[in-house]
Amino acid sequence: MASTHTQAHPSGSSTGTQLLDHPGPFAGHGGPFGGPADEIAPPAAETSRHRMPRQTRGTAPLLGVTAVAATLGATGFASATPAAAPAVETPDETPVALSADPGLALAARIQQQADSQRTAAEETARVQAAQEAETKRAAQVAQQEQARRAAEEAEKAKLAAIKLPVRDYRLSAHYGQSARYWAHLHTGLDFAADQGEPVYAVGQGTITSAGWAGAYGYRIVETLPDGTEIWYCHLSSIIKGSGKVLPGQQIGKVGATGNVTGAHLHVEVRPGGGAPVDPETWFEQRGVTP
């Protein structure tokens, strides 16, 4: 609908509000309102309803632009910017800001320290247990080694031990004696014993000779590790005629073979297989008293 502006009222202020006069439905027909006199003028309320207040020029256009900009900023600009995706939260879970809670941070540090201390304690206990096990093992090895050495020493002592050749005897003749039935001085020690009494090896050695030996009768020669020869003479029988023997091992029996006057064991000691020495002294030097 077209509208026309009327002149400002002469008495009105230049900055006051001016009303726009809109032609009513009766304009052009005469009368006070431009219509015929017989027509009824519209009510004042109806006339004022079609009039709009006229803004004076000043800050109004600026306000209009500001309002448009505000409107566009609130609507157009907002619609031009892509909306951020709404945050989705699980109904049963409540987000917790651990880093923002000093109490939780302190509890986490305490738990970390406790874990570190427990790990250190476990490692210390493991190392200590390993050290104790190693110490115990070393002690057991040392004990076993000591026992082994002791057994070896005992065995050596046993093997090196010298025993008497007869257990139930009496000495009937000593080294260096003379008699009418000996061609020379007595070269050994006589152990008088019953016929058939066991004769034992005096030490560890090897039987190097066994058999008939003339005036010595049946004889066994044992060679000791140091080369000393032990002669067992006048035997009634030979049980061990060769090979290695141990101290106290039976090798024959007492007899009266050869040049004798009764049953006895004639023993000679010959170092290095040479001339005889006093058997009684040789036994005593090795801790044995005939």
Protein backbone atom coordinates (compact mmCIF):
# COMPACT_ATOMS: atom_id res chain seq x y z
CA MET A 1 0.00 0.00 0.00
CA ALA A 2 1.39 3.42 -0.95
CA SER A 3 1.71 6.08 1.69
CA THR A 4 2.40 9.79 1.67
CA HIS A 5 4.05 11.94 4.28
CA THR A 6 2.30 15.15 5.46
CA GLN A 7 3.94 18.32 6.47
CA ALA A 8 5.18 18.58 10.00
CA HIS A 9 2.97 20.52 12.26
CA PRO A 10 4.12 24.13 12.48
CA SER A 11 4.03 24.16 16.22
CA GLY A 12 5.71 20.78 16.63
CA SER A 13 9.31 20.29 17.56
CA SER A 14 11.77 19.50 14.86
CA THR A 15 12.78 16.44 16.71
CA GLY A 16 9.32 15.30 17.65
CA THR A 17 7.46 12.39 16.21
CA GLN A 18 5.51 13.04 13.02
CA LEU A 19 2.49 11.00 12.08
CA LEU A 20 1.97 9.66 8.62
CA ASP A 21 -1.41 10.44 7.09
CA HIS A 22 -2.82 7.48 5.31
CA PRO A 23 -5.82 8.01 3.07
CA GLY A 24 -8.73 6.14 4.41
CA PRO A 25 -11.29 4.27 2.46
CA PHE A 26 -13.27 7.43 2.12
CA ALA A 27 -10.58 9.68 0.58
CA GLY A 28 -11.62 11.64 -2.50
CA HIS A 29 -15.32 11.69 -1.64
CA GLY A 30 -15.51 15.03 0.10
CA GLY A 31 -16.30 15.82 3.62
CA PRO A 32 -13.92 16.24 6.46
CA PHE A 33 -12.12 13.12 5.43
CA GLY A 34 -12.20 13.79 1.70
CA GLY A 35 -15.54 12.10 1.15
CA PRO A 36 -19.12 13.26 0.75
CA ALA A 37 -20.68 15.02 3.63
CA ASP A 38 -23.31 12.37 4.00
CA GLU A 39 -20.75 9.69 4.61
CA ILE A 40 -19.78 8.84 8.14
CA ALA A 41 -16.18 9.45 9.08
CA PRO A 42 -14.35 6.51 10.54
CA PRO A 43 -13.73 6.55 14.24
CA ALA A 44 -10.60 8.19 15.56
CA ALA A 45 -9.32 4.89 16.81
CA GLU A 46 -9.70 3.40 13.34
CA THR A 47 -7.84 6.35 11.83
CA SER A 48 -4.99 6.24 14.32
CA ARG A 49 -4.61 2.53 13.85
CA HIS A 50 -3.42 3.06 10.29
CA ARG A 51 -0.89 5.68 11.24
CA MET A 52 2.76 4.81 12.06
CA PRO A 53 5.03 6.98 14.11
CA ARG A 54 7.66 8.67 12.05
CA GLN A 55 11.17 8.59 13.47
CA THR A 56 13.23 11.66 13.20
CA ARG A 57 16.58 11.41 11.54
CA GLY A 58 19.42 11.13 14.00
CA THR A 59 20.51 7.91 15.76
CA ALA A 60 17.57 5.87 14.50
CA PRO A 61 19.25 4.53 11.33
CA LEU A 62 22.30 3.57 13.33
CA LEU A 63 20.11 1.78 15.80
CA GLY A 64 18.45 -0.04 12.95
CA VAL A 65 21.77 -1.21 11.54
CA THR A 66 22.88 -2.25 14.98
CA ALA A 67 19.71 -4.21 15.46
CA VAL A 68 20.11 -5.86 12.06
CA ALA A 69 23.72 -6.72 12.84
CA ALA A 70 22.73 -8.08 16.21
CA THR A 71 19.99 -10.10 14.57
CA LEU A 72 22.31 -11.44 11.92
CA GLY A 73 24.96 -12.17 14.57
CA ALA A 74 22.46 -14.12 16.59
CA THR A 75 20.86 -15.94 13.69
CA GLY A 76 22.74 -15.76 10.40
CA PHE A 77 26.20 -15.93 11.79
CA ALA A 78 25.23 -18.64 14.17
CA SER A 79 23.70 -20.65 11.36
CA ALA A 80 26.81 -20.12 9.20
CA THR A 81 29.11 -21.54 11.86
CA PRO A 82 28.96 -25.35 12.13
CA ALA A 83 27.59 -26.36 15.49
CA ALA A 84 29.84 -28.41 17.72
CA ALA A 85 28.80 -31.98 18.32
CA PRO A 86 27.02 -32.31 21.64
CA ALA A 87 28.99 -34.08 24.35
CA VAL A 88 27.79 -37.62 24.90
CA GLU A 89 28.06 -38.94 28.41
CA THR A 90 27.31 -42.39 29.62
CA PRO A 91 24.39 -42.16 32.02
CA ASP A 92 26.11 -44.43 34.56
CA GLU A 93 29.51 -42.71 34.44
CA THR A 94 30.33 -39.32 35.85
CA PRO A 95 33.45 -37.64 34.41
CA VAL A 96 36.06 -37.12 37.11
CA ALA A 97 38.92 -34.68 36.70
CA LEU A 98 41.69 -36.60 38.48
CA SER A 99 44.34 -34.01 37.74
CA ALA A 100 42.18 -31.28 39.18
CA ASP A 101 41.61 -33.13 42.48
CA PRO A 102 44.61 -32.70 44.79
CA GLY A 103 43.36 -35.46 47.07
CA LEU A 104 43.28 -38.03 44.27
CA ALA A 105 46.65 -36.88 42.98
CA LEU A 106 48.16 -37.30 46.46
CA ALA A 107 46.59 -40.73 46.81
CA ALA A 108 48.03 -41.72 43.43
CA ARG A 109 51.51 -40.58 44.47
CA ILE A 110 51.22 -42.45 47.78
CA GLN A 111 50.11 -45.60 45.95
CA GLN A 112 53.00 -45.24 43.50
CA GLN A 113 55.48 -44.85 46.35
CA ALA A 114 53.97 -47.86 48.12
CA ASP A 115 54.25 -49.94 44.94
CA SER A 116 57.87 -48.85 44.49
CA GLN A 117 58.70 -49.67 48.11
CA ARG A 118 56.99 -53.05 47.83
CA THR A 119 58.87 -53.83 44.61
CA ALA A 120 62.15 -52.78 46.21
CA ALA A 121 61.40 -54.89 49.28
CA GLU A 122 60.55 -57.91 47.12
CA GLU A 123 63.75 -57.48 45.11
CA THR A 124 65.80 -57.13 48.31
CA ALA A 125 64.19 -60.27 49.74
CA ARG A 126 64.86 -62.15 46.49
CA VAL A 127 68.51 -61.11 46.43
CA GLN A 128 68.92 -61.96 50.11
CA ALA A 129 67.31 -65.37 49.60
CA ALA A 130 69.59 -66.03 46.63
CA GLN A 131 72.63 -65.00 48.66
CA GLU A 132 71.57 -67.21 51.57
CA ALA A 133 71.00 -70.13 49.19
CA GLU A 134 74.40 -69.57 47.61
CA THR A 135 76.05 -69.34 51.03
CA LYS A 136 74.30 -72.53 52.12
CA ARG A 137 75.29 -74.29 48.91
CA ALA A 138 78.89 -73.14 49.28
CA ALA A 139 78.90 -74.37 52.88
CA GLN A 140 77.52 -77.73 51.77
CA VAL A 141 80.13 -77.97 49.00
CA ALA A 142 82.88 -77.06 51.47
CA GLN A 143 81.55 -79.62 53.94
CA GLN A 144 81.39 -82.29 51.26
CA GLU A 145 84.89 -81.40 50.12
CA GLN A 146 86.14 -81.57 53.69
CA ALA A 147 84.46 -84.92 54.18
CA ARG A 148 85.93 -86.17 50.91
CA ARG A 149 89.40 -85.07 51.91
CA ALA A 150 88.99 -86.60 55.33
CA ALA A 151 87.90 -89.85 53.71
CA GLU A 152 90.86 -89.73 51.38
CA GLU A 153 93.22 -89.06 54.26
CA ALA A 154 91.65 -91.88 56.22
CA GLU A 155 91.98 -94.19 53.25
CA LYS A 156 95.57 -93.14 52.76
CA ALA A 157 96.27 -93.66 56.41
CA LYS A 158 94.58 -97.02 56.22
CA LEU A 159 96.55 -98.00 53.19
CA ALA A 160 99.75 -96.70 54.69
CA ALA A 161 99.11 -98.45 57.98
CA ILE A 162 101.31 -101.29 58.95
CA LYS A 163 99.84 -104.31 60.68
CA LEU A 164 101.36 -107.31 62.34
CA PRO A 165 101.35 -110.45 60.17
CA VAL A 166 100.00 -112.77 62.90
CA ARG A 167 97.42 -112.05 65.61
CA ASP A 168 97.93 -114.88 68.08
CA TYR A 169 101.66 -115.40 68.46
CA ARG A 170 104.80 -115.10 70.56
CA LEU A 171 108.24 -113.94 69.46
CA SER A 172 110.59 -116.95 69.36
CA ALA A 173 113.70 -115.41 67.71
CA HIS A 174 114.94 -111.83 67.07
CA TYR A 175 117.05 -110.26 64.37
CA GLY A 176 120.86 -110.82 64.66
CA GLN A 177 120.74 -113.88 66.92
CA SER A 178 123.03 -116.85 66.33
CA ALA A 179 122.32 -120.53 66.77
CA ARG A 180 123.78 -123.83 65.76
CA TYR A 181 121.07 -124.56 63.25
CA TRP A 182 121.59 -121.19 61.42
CA ALA A 183 124.43 -120.90 59.00
CA HIS A 184 124.58 -117.17 59.63
CA LEU A 185 123.14 -114.66 62.08
CA HIS A 186 119.35 -114.62 62.19
CA THR A 187 118.15 -112.26 59.44
CA GLY A 188 114.51 -111.84 60.54
CA LEU A 189 111.89 -111.98 63.28
CA ASP A 190 110.11 -115.24 64.17
CA PHE A 191 106.39 -115.28 65.17
CA ALA A 192 105.68 -118.66 66.79
CA ALA A 193 102.03 -119.66 66.17
CA ASP A 194 99.91 -122.75 65.66
CA GLN A 195 99.97 -124.60 62.37
CA GLY A 196 97.47 -123.10 59.95
CA GLU A 197 97.06 -119.72 61.69
CA PRO A 198 96.24 -116.97 59.16
CA VAL A 199 99.11 -114.87 57.84
CA TYR A 200 98.19 -111.29 56.87
CA ALA A 201 99.85 -108.73 54.62
CA VAL A 202 101.62 -106.13 56.78
CA GLY A 203 100.77 -103.27 54.39
CA GLN A 204 99.43 -102.24 51.01
CA GLY A 205 101.55 -103.69 48.27
CA THR A 206 101.92 -106.16 45.46
CA ILE A 207 102.87 -109.83 45.68
CA THR A 208 105.83 -110.16 43.36
CA SER A 209 106.86 -113.72 44.19
CA ALA A 210 105.24 -116.78 45.71
CA GLY A 211 106.47 -120.42 45.89
CA TRP A 212 109.13 -122.78 47.20
CA ALA A 213 112.37 -121.06 48.35
CA GLY A 214 114.69 -123.80 49.72
CA ALA A 215 115.59 -123.27 53.40
CA TYR A 216 112.78 -120.67 53.61
CA GLY A 217 110.18 -123.29 52.67
CA TYR A 218 107.13 -121.85 51.02
CA ARG A 219 107.61 -118.12 50.76
CA ILE A 220 105.63 -115.04 49.66
CA VAL A 221 107.43 -111.79 48.75
CA GLU A 222 105.34 -108.59 48.98
CA THR A 223 106.74 -105.33 47.61
CA LEU A 224 105.47 -102.14 49.33
CA PRO A 225 104.97 -98.85 47.44
CA ASP A 226 108.36 -97.52 48.62
CA GLY A 227 110.11 -100.61 47.22
CA THR A 228 110.61 -102.38 50.54
CA GLU A 229 110.24 -106.15 50.30
CA ILE A 230 108.53 -108.21 53.03
CA TRP A 231 109.34 -111.93 53.10
CA TYR A 232 106.82 -114.36 54.61
CA CYS A 233 108.60 -117.73 55.10
CA HIS A 234 107.91 -121.35 56.24
CA LEU A 235 104.26 -121.18 55.13
CA SER A 236 102.07 -124.25 55.11
CA SER A 237 100.01 -122.87 52.22
CA ILE A 238 99.83 -119.88 49.91
CA ILE A 239 96.43 -118.20 49.54
CA LYS A 240 97.37 -115.07 47.57
CA GLY A 241 100.15 -115.78 45.09
CA SER A 242 100.06 -112.55 43.01
CA GLY A 243 98.48 -109.17 42.60
CA LYS A 244 97.77 -106.27 44.91
CA VAL A 245 96.95 -106.72 48.57
CA LEU A 246 95.74 -104.46 51.36
CA PRO A 247 96.93 -104.21 54.96
CA GLY A 248 95.45 -107.06 57.01
CA GLN A 249 94.44 -109.13 53.96
CA GLN A 250 95.13 -112.86 54.42
CA ILE A 251 97.74 -114.19 52.04
CA GLY A 252 98.76 -117.57 53.58
CA LYS A 253 98.93 -119.84 56.62
CA VAL A 254 101.55 -120.52 59.30
CA GLY A 255 103.58 -123.68 58.67
CA ALA A 256 106.89 -125.47 59.29
CA THR A 257 108.30 -125.92 55.81
CA GLY A 258 111.97 -125.45 55.03
CA ASN A 259 114.74 -125.35 57.66
CA VAL A 260 112.70 -125.12 60.90
CA THR A 261 112.32 -126.77 64.32
CA GLY A 262 108.60 -125.96 64.71
CA ALA A 263 105.63 -124.05 63.25
CA HIS A 264 106.29 -120.35 63.04
CA LEU A 265 106.33 -117.39 60.59
CA HIS A 266 109.75 -116.07 59.69
CA VAL A 267 109.49 -112.33 58.54
CA GLU A 268 112.29 -110.41 56.87
CA VAL A 269 112.29 -106.66 55.92
CA ARG A 270 114.51 -105.71 52.96
CA PRO A 271 114.39 -101.96 51.98
CA GLY A 272 114.68 -101.57 48.20
CA GLY A 273 114.96 -105.36 47.88
CA GLY A 274 118.48 -105.25 49.37
CA ALA A 275 119.99 -106.51 52.64
CA PRO A 276 117.65 -107.25 55.54
CA VAL A 277 117.15 -104.88 58.51
CA ASP A 278 115.74 -105.49 61.98
CA PRO A 279 111.99 -106.09 61.51
CA GLU A 280 111.24 -105.24 65.14
CA THR A 281 112.75 -101.76 64.76
CA TRP A 282 111.03 -101.26 61.39
CA PHE A 283 107.61 -102.06 62.91
CA GLU A 284 108.19 -99.79 65.89
CA GLN A 285 109.13 -96.86 63.63
CA ARG A 286 105.66 -97.18 62.08
CA GLY A 287 103.81 -97.27 65.35
CA VAL A 288 103.47 -100.99 65.69
CA THR A 289 105.06 -102.96 68.54
CA PRO A 290 105.47 -106.68 67.85
